[in-house]
Amino acid sequence: MAVKFTILGSGSGGNCAYLETDEARVLVDAGFSPRQIRKRLQEIGRVPENLTAILVTHEHSDHVQGLTGIAAKLNIPIYCNRDTKEAFEFQFETKFDCRLFETGASFEIGDLLVDTFAIPHDAQDPVGYLLRTPAGNIGFATDLGHMTKLVLERIRPANVLVLESNHDVKMLQDCPRRPWSIFTS
């Protein structure tokens, strides 16, 4: 029951993580070019052709830019909620093989149980994940506007936590694109 978890990159230039269990090989986000994703996977001895799924947190390009070259070309199912699917399909002007979930729901990919939860961020319906593996739980919350009671409750069972926060009140107030909900969630 070995579990391998690697952050392939995190930041405004791209976000992508790799999780492998006995029965699942999953990317969390695909925010690099397909070439970069392939290169970063090769650095850990893996190839995108062996992926069983891609989990998407939200539709911003630094989380989805590799979907067309990885998921679409290799027929890898994408797990996301309806609002996120609609947003990135509009952005890329193409349809994808998506397995939809409602935010707050749980689902399985092989021996991986995925719990989803809402996070405060300026996207359509951004989510975090609690990835329940046979070896332990990984909490995953990127682009977290600020910590909410719900997020704290959902990540509490995590043995490992991936947390990326980008909350800057002044920046949010000065940007006309940011909805008020990320101030008050």
Protein backbone atom coordinates (compact mmCIF):
# COMPACT_ATOMS: atom_id res chain seq x y z
CA MET A 1 0.00 0.00 0.00
CA ALA A 2 2.62 2.51 -1.02
CA VAL A 3 1.38 5.99 -1.84
CA LYS A 4 3.40 8.48 -3.86
CA PHE A 5 2.53 12.17 -3.73
CA THR A 6 4.58 14.82 -5.54
CA ILE A 7 4.00 18.52 -6.12
CA LEU A 8 5.01 19.02 -9.75
CA GLY A 9 4.69 22.78 -9.42
CA SER A 10 2.79 25.47 -7.55
CA GLY A 11 2.45 29.16 -8.28
CA SER A 12 1.10 31.66 -10.79
CA GLY A 13 3.11 29.94 -13.54
CA GLY A 14 1.24 26.68 -13.05
CA ASN A 15 -0.15 24.22 -10.53
CA CYS A 16 -0.02 20.45 -10.74
CA ALA A 17 0.41 17.57 -8.29
CA TYR A 18 0.70 13.81 -8.80
CA LEU A 19 -0.83 11.16 -6.55
CA GLU A 20 -0.34 7.44 -6.99
CA THR A 21 -1.90 4.59 -5.04
CA ASP A 22 -2.09 0.89 -5.93
CA GLU A 23 -5.21 1.52 -8.03
CA ALA A 24 -5.09 5.21 -9.02
CA ARG A 25 -2.68 7.57 -10.78
CA VAL A 26 -4.10 11.08 -10.57
CA LEU A 27 -3.10 14.63 -11.36
CA VAL A 28 -4.57 17.34 -9.20
CA ASP A 29 -4.84 20.22 -11.68
CA ALA A 30 -2.98 20.42 -14.99
CA GLY A 31 -1.74 23.99 -14.96
CA PHE A 32 1.35 23.60 -17.12
CA SER A 33 1.74 23.01 -20.83
CA PRO A 34 1.44 19.37 -21.85
CA ARG A 35 5.18 19.34 -22.57
CA GLN A 36 5.96 20.62 -19.04
CA ILE A 37 3.59 18.12 -17.44
CA ARG A 38 5.23 15.28 -19.37
CA LYS A 39 8.70 16.52 -18.41
CA ARG A 40 7.83 16.88 -14.72
CA LEU A 41 6.23 13.44 -14.63
CA GLN A 42 9.28 11.93 -16.35
CA GLU A 43 11.46 13.44 -13.61
CA ILE A 44 9.67 11.16 -11.14
CA GLY A 45 9.64 8.17 -13.49
CA ARG A 46 6.02 8.49 -14.65
CA VAL A 47 4.22 9.22 -17.93
CA PRO A 48 0.84 10.85 -18.58
CA GLU A 49 -0.35 7.83 -20.58
CA ASN A 50 -0.72 5.91 -17.28
CA LEU A 51 -2.97 8.50 -15.60
CA THR A 52 -6.41 7.32 -14.50
CA ALA A 53 -7.87 10.79 -13.78
CA ILE A 54 -7.31 14.52 -13.45
CA LEU A 55 -8.96 16.38 -10.57
CA VAL A 56 -9.56 20.06 -11.27
CA THR A 57 -9.87 22.58 -8.44
CA HIS A 58 -11.06 25.50 -10.61
CA GLU A 59 -10.91 26.91 -14.12
CA HIS A 60 -8.08 29.45 -13.94
CA SER A 61 -5.43 28.87 -16.60
CA ASP A 62 -2.65 28.20 -14.08
CA HIS A 63 -4.71 25.14 -13.05
CA VAL A 64 -6.09 23.90 -16.40
CA GLN A 65 -3.86 24.97 -19.30
CA GLY A 66 -2.62 21.41 -19.92
CA LEU A 67 -6.07 19.81 -20.18
CA THR A 68 -6.33 19.90 -23.97
CA GLY A 69 -2.93 18.31 -24.54
CA ILE A 70 -3.15 15.75 -21.74
CA ALA A 71 -6.77 14.86 -20.92
CA ALA A 72 -8.26 15.37 -24.37
CA LYS A 73 -5.45 13.71 -26.35
CA LEU A 74 -5.02 10.77 -23.99
CA ASN A 75 -8.73 10.29 -23.11
CA ILE A 76 -8.15 10.81 -19.40
CA PRO A 77 -11.34 11.59 -17.48
CA ILE A 78 -11.53 14.94 -15.71
CA TYR A 79 -13.30 15.16 -12.35
CA CYS A 80 -14.82 18.57 -11.60
CA ASN A 81 -18.08 20.29 -10.80
CA ARG A 82 -20.47 21.58 -13.47
CA ASP A 83 -19.58 25.30 -13.15
CA THR A 84 -15.86 24.57 -13.48
CA LYS A 85 -16.47 22.31 -16.51
CA GLU A 86 -18.56 24.95 -18.25
CA ALA A 87 -15.94 27.62 -17.56
CA PHE A 88 -12.93 25.73 -18.95
CA GLU A 89 -14.89 24.30 -21.89
CA PHE A 90 -15.89 27.87 -22.78
CA GLN A 91 -12.28 29.00 -22.33
CA PHE A 92 -10.88 26.23 -24.59
CA GLU A 93 -13.88 26.12 -26.95
CA THR A 94 -13.94 22.33 -26.76
CA LYS A 95 -15.71 19.53 -24.91
CA PHE A 96 -13.95 17.19 -22.45
CA ASP A 97 -14.68 13.80 -20.89
CA CYS A 98 -15.78 15.03 -17.47
CA ARG A 99 -17.08 13.11 -14.47
CA LEU A 100 -19.16 15.69 -12.65
CA PHE A 101 -19.61 15.95 -8.91
CA GLU A 102 -21.50 18.39 -6.73
CA THR A 103 -19.28 20.42 -4.45
CA GLY A 104 -19.40 18.76 -1.05
CA ALA A 105 -19.82 15.27 -2.52
CA SER A 106 -17.44 12.30 -2.29
CA PHE A 107 -16.49 9.78 -4.98
CA GLU A 108 -13.98 7.00 -5.61
CA ILE A 109 -11.23 6.52 -8.15
CA GLY A 110 -9.94 3.00 -7.57
CA ASP A 111 -8.77 2.81 -3.96
CA LEU A 112 -8.77 6.62 -3.62
CA LEU A 113 -11.73 8.25 -1.88
CA VAL A 114 -12.08 11.92 -2.80
CA ASP A 115 -14.01 14.31 -0.55
CA THR A 116 -14.73 17.74 -2.06
CA PHE A 117 -15.42 21.04 -0.35
CA ALA A 118 -15.93 24.69 -1.28
CA ILE A 119 -13.08 27.15 -0.90
CA PRO A 120 -13.19 30.96 -1.06
CA HIS A 121 -11.57 32.08 -4.32
CA ASP A 122 -12.59 34.19 -7.31
CA ALA A 123 -13.60 31.33 -9.61
CA GLN A 124 -16.93 29.80 -10.64
CA ASP A 125 -17.13 27.07 -7.98
CA PRO A 126 -13.62 26.38 -6.65
CA VAL A 127 -13.02 23.26 -4.59
CA GLY A 128 -10.49 21.72 -2.28
CA TYR A 129 -10.01 18.00 -1.78
CA LEU A 130 -9.41 15.58 1.04
CA LEU A 131 -7.75 12.64 -0.70
CA ARG A 132 -8.26 9.54 1.40
CA THR A 133 -5.58 6.99 0.48
CA PRO A 134 -4.86 3.58 2.03
CA ALA A 135 -1.75 5.11 3.66
CA GLY A 136 -3.34 8.32 4.99
CA ASN A 137 -5.22 11.47 4.07
CA ILE A 138 -3.97 14.40 2.01
CA GLY A 139 -5.71 17.76 2.32
CA PHE A 140 -5.46 19.90 -0.80
CA ALA A 141 -6.53 23.57 -0.82
CA THR A 142 -4.88 25.88 -3.34
CA ASP A 143 -5.61 29.53 -4.10
CA LEU A 144 -7.32 29.68 -0.74
CA GLY A 145 -8.64 33.21 -0.28
CA HIS A 146 -8.90 32.78 3.47
CA MET A 147 -9.58 30.01 5.96
CA THR A 148 -13.25 29.26 6.61
CA LYS A 149 -14.80 27.00 9.23
CA LEU A 150 -15.84 24.60 6.45
CA VAL A 151 -12.31 24.32 5.05
CA LEU A 152 -10.87 23.81 8.52
CA GLU A 153 -13.43 21.10 9.28
CA ARG A 154 -12.81 19.30 5.97
CA ILE A 155 -8.99 19.30 6.18
CA ARG A 156 -8.87 18.33 9.86
CA PRO A 157 -8.48 14.56 9.08
CA ALA A 158 -5.44 15.24 6.83
CA ASN A 159 -2.10 13.64 7.66
CA VAL A 160 -0.46 15.78 4.96
CA LEU A 161 -1.68 19.22 3.95
CA VAL A 162 -1.07 21.14 0.74
CA LEU A 163 -2.08 24.70 1.41
CA GLU A 164 -1.56 27.68 -0.85
CA SER A 165 -3.02 30.99 0.24
CA ASN A 166 -3.11 34.18 -1.76
CA HIS A 167 -5.35 36.43 0.29
CA ASP A 168 -4.47 40.12 0.04
CA VAL A 169 -7.35 42.38 1.09
CA LYS A 170 -5.94 45.49 -0.61
CA MET A 171 -5.35 43.65 -3.88
CA LEU A 172 -8.87 42.22 -3.78
CA GLN A 173 -10.46 45.59 -3.03
CA ASP A 174 -8.58 47.25 -5.90
CA CYS A 175 -9.50 44.59 -8.46
CA PRO A 176 -12.95 45.02 -10.07
CA ARG A 177 -13.06 41.31 -11.10
CA ARG A 178 -13.07 39.96 -7.52
CA PRO A 179 -16.52 39.16 -6.10
CA TRP A 180 -17.45 40.25 -2.59
CA SER A 181 -18.10 36.63 -1.63
CA ILE A 182 -14.38 35.98 -1.18
CA PHE A 183 -14.29 38.66 1.52
CA THR A 184 -17.18 37.21 3.49
CA SER A 185 -17.18 33.41 2.95
